[in-house]
Each structure stands twice: as structure tokens, then as C-alpha cells.
Amino acid sequence: MVRSKRFVVAALLAAALSAPAAAASSAKAPSAISLAQVLDAPSLVSYSGVVESVRIGDRGAQATVYRVEHRAPDLTRRTYTAPSEYLGVWELVKGNVTYTVDPARRRIVETRNDATLRGRRALGDDAQLIAANYRASVAGFENFDGRPVVDVLLVNKHTGRGTMFVRIDRETKIVLDKQEFGPDGSLISEIRLERIAYKPVPAIDFTLPNDYAVVRAQVLRESSHDTARLVRDAGFGARRPQPLPEGFSSVDGNIVDLHGVRTVRFLYSDGIRTLSLFESATAVSPNLAPLHPQTLRIGNRDAQYAEEGDVALLSWNDGTLYYTLVGELGRADIQRLAAAINP
């Protein structure tokens, strides 16, 4: 499935424009932007535009381009034009269901995941994490792609480094640009929403082909906040890692069968960055060969690291359990977090 960041998530990441930060800049700000406004914007505002996403990794820059059509509150279509292997592929997201339409194979892959709605159900928790781990400062006011925006820099309180820079449409509160920085301050990713038009999107654009085969992907079980119960129910000696560094906290988890192997998935977040940890007692590591993986060291163990678009993957075993980390992080960050997980 095509991997891409959704702008509803981008809005959540921009939520660090807290009330104190907005108040401090009120002398310059044409109008204050509240946390609630930014979080609610995608559920209230319909729009279309072109998204350009670039991830800068060890093997160079990887770009994804797609046209986005969003109809509030929760209907989104993405039609891909780059990379070339995704040309013509499009996705339709309806609530917690994603339909990936592949014209070349004349099929639709349906993926249902109840956990995808968690961010909308527990915004209070996310806001608290952001406030605990980041401080925000208004960097200025400008025009971006013809729209007046407010610029916000988010600084990680644990590392003291700027983690993210966002441009928020001052009128609609939609995030139009998001830049993420690595541990050394270098740019590691950017997502730009350009040529945006705020107008109703025709309903026909969200109609699925009725003559394509439908393939239903695995359904993830309902997520749980009780990670101790997930460990007990795993059926093997799963580990519940201690709190991770840099403010990462356990959010929820699932038990899922991956290729017939019972696997526990933990989801961690620091309010901005998210990280999924998969554990199993049987080897079920992803096939990273097509991604030209690198060998890294986690403790005294070899690990395989690869990037797919804007997603980093790291897989290793400790002699008993098999681990895979998946997150929108750079290599240094994901390697450091893996070292904290490694027993």
C-alpha cells in the first residue's frame, strides 16, 4: 500500500501552538490560532490541492506526489503521480477504512483499522504529550502559495533542538507546509500542500469502481490502552519496554497475526512523532531486500535498517524475541530508540 502522511495528522502535529505561545505573540498576530481550531480544521474544511512529500535519507531524496481531494469531515481521495510505480493508483479514505484502487490490476484493497480513529477520540492525551515534550514559538507571518500563514517552530524540550517547522493557513487553520529536522538540524522531510482550493469536491470523485475485484486486507483488532493485558494475552513471553527516552509514551496496542505469526504491536508517541513496535516469538521480519537495507548495531546484535518513502523500518532479534520498529523518524532517532528497547 502507498505510504503517505495524512494532513489530519499534520494538523495534530501543529497543535503545539498552545494558548501561552499564541498569547505571547498576540501583539504581532493578526488573529490567534487555538489548539481546537487546528485540530478540528480537517473535519470542518473541504479542499483540494497537490501534495509534494520528500523524505531525505541515506540513499538520497525520495519524493511522493499526489492530488488530494478532501470532503469534510472524513472523506479523502489521493491520486498518485509519483513515484512512477504508483502512477494512476489512488486511495479513498472513509473514516477508518482505506480503499487502495489499482487500475493496472483492476482491484481494490480494503484495509480497515479501528485504531486509526484513536487520534480523534483522544485528542486530550495527544495535546498533553505535546505540551509536555515541546515548546512552540511563532516564527513569523507570511504568505505561502498565495495564502496568509503563521509560522510555528516546535522545539523538543528533552533535546533542545528544533524538531518541526509548520505553516498554518491563518484563515482555515489547515497545515500547508511541514518540515521535520534530524538530530543534527538537517532537513529530513517536508510535506507541502500547494495549489489549494477551498470549495466543495464533487461526490462522484469519491465513487469506487464497481467492476474491480475487492481484496480485504487483515483487520487489526480493536486497540487497547492496557499494555500489561496485551503482554499477558500475547501467548509468548512478550516484553513491555520501559518508558522510552525523549518523552515517548505508550499510547495503545493490538494483538495481530502477521503471516500466521501472533504478534504484539505497541504504539508510542511523544505528541508529534509516532512509533510502532512489533514483537513476536517467531521470525516475521519484513522483507527489506528490495529497499537495500543497511546493517546497524543494536547493543551487541545486528539490525537491518531501511526506508520506504517517509517511513523508517528497523528489524532485529535479541535471541528470544523478534522486533520491528516502524516510524516516521530518521535513522539516528530510530536507532537510539531501539537501543532503549533492547534488553
Foldseek 3Di string as FASTA:
>chain_A
DDDDDDLLLVLLLPLLCDPVQQVVCVVADPDGDHSVLSNQLQQPFWKKFKKWKWFQAPVGIAIWIWIWTGDHDWWIKTATCPDPVRHRWMWITDQQWIWIQDVVQLEIEIAGEPVVCVCVVPVVVLNVLLVVFWHKHFPAWDADQNAIWIKMWIATPQLRHTAKIWTARPPSRGTAKMWGAAPVRHTGMMMGTHPMDGDHDDPVVNDDDPPGHYHYDDYWDDKAQPVVVVCVPQPDNDDDFDAFPSQKDWDIWTFDQDVNFTWIWTWIDSSNWIKIKIKGQDDDDDDCVVQPWDWDDQPNWTWTWGDDGQKIWIWTDDVGMTMIMIISHYPVVVSRRSNSRRD
